[in-house]
Amino acid sequence: MSLRSPLTTLSIRGLITWLSYTVTGLLAVSQSAPTEHVSPQSLPAG
């Protein structure tokens, strides 16, 4: 059981870090999506 404790904690930490990276990645994509749509519109408008 002593060997499973550290493994479970490491797996949980890995999942947390993975989730944090995925969340930040989704936020970055959601924020970059509108900017990409606005840039082509602002170029011909300018």
Protein backbone atom coordinates (compact mmCIF):
# COMPACT_ATOMS: atom_id res chain seq x y z
CA MET A 1 0.00 0.00 0.00
CA SER A 2 2.92 2.33 0.69
CA LEU A 3 3.91 2.12 -2.99
CA ARG A 4 0.40 2.97 -4.21
CA SER A 5 0.08 6.14 -2.14
CA PRO A 6 2.85 8.13 -3.93
CA LEU A 7 1.74 6.77 -7.31
CA THR A 8 -1.83 7.92 -6.76
CA THR A 9 -0.67 11.35 -5.61
CA LEU A 10 1.57 11.67 -8.68
CA SER A 11 -1.26 10.61 -10.99
CA ILE A 12 -3.61 13.13 -9.35
CA ARG A 13 -1.01 15.87 -9.69
CA GLY A 14 -0.48 14.91 -13.32
CA LEU A 15 -4.22 15.09 -14.01
CA ILE A 16 -4.44 18.48 -12.31
CA THR A 17 -1.52 19.85 -14.31
CA TRP A 18 -2.95 18.37 -17.53
CA LEU A 19 -6.36 19.90 -16.82
CA SER A 20 -4.76 23.27 -16.08
CA TYR A 21 -2.84 23.18 -19.37
CA THR A 22 -5.95 22.14 -21.31
CA VAL A 23 -8.02 24.91 -19.70
CA THR A 24 -5.37 27.53 -20.48
CA GLY A 25 -5.09 26.19 -24.03
CA LEU A 26 -8.86 26.40 -24.56
CA LEU A 27 -8.91 29.92 -23.16
CA ALA A 28 -6.06 30.94 -25.46
CA VAL A 29 -7.87 29.48 -28.48
CA SER A 30 -11.16 31.15 -27.53
CA GLN A 31 -9.35 34.47 -27.13
CA SER A 32 -7.35 34.09 -30.35
CA ALA A 33 -10.43 33.10 -32.38
CA PRO A 34 -12.18 36.51 -32.11
CA THR A 35 -8.91 38.37 -32.77
CA GLU A 36 -8.42 36.39 -35.99
CA HIS A 37 -11.95 37.29 -37.10
CA VAL A 38 -11.46 40.95 -36.18
CA SER A 39 -8.04 41.35 -37.86
CA PRO A 40 -9.26 40.55 -41.42
CA GLN A 41 -12.24 42.85 -40.92
CA SER A 42 -10.09 45.72 -39.64
CA LEU A 43 -7.59 45.39 -42.53
CA PRO A 44 -10.06 46.09 -45.39
CA ALA A 45 -11.89 48.62 -43.20
CA GLY A 46 -8.64 50.52 -42.61
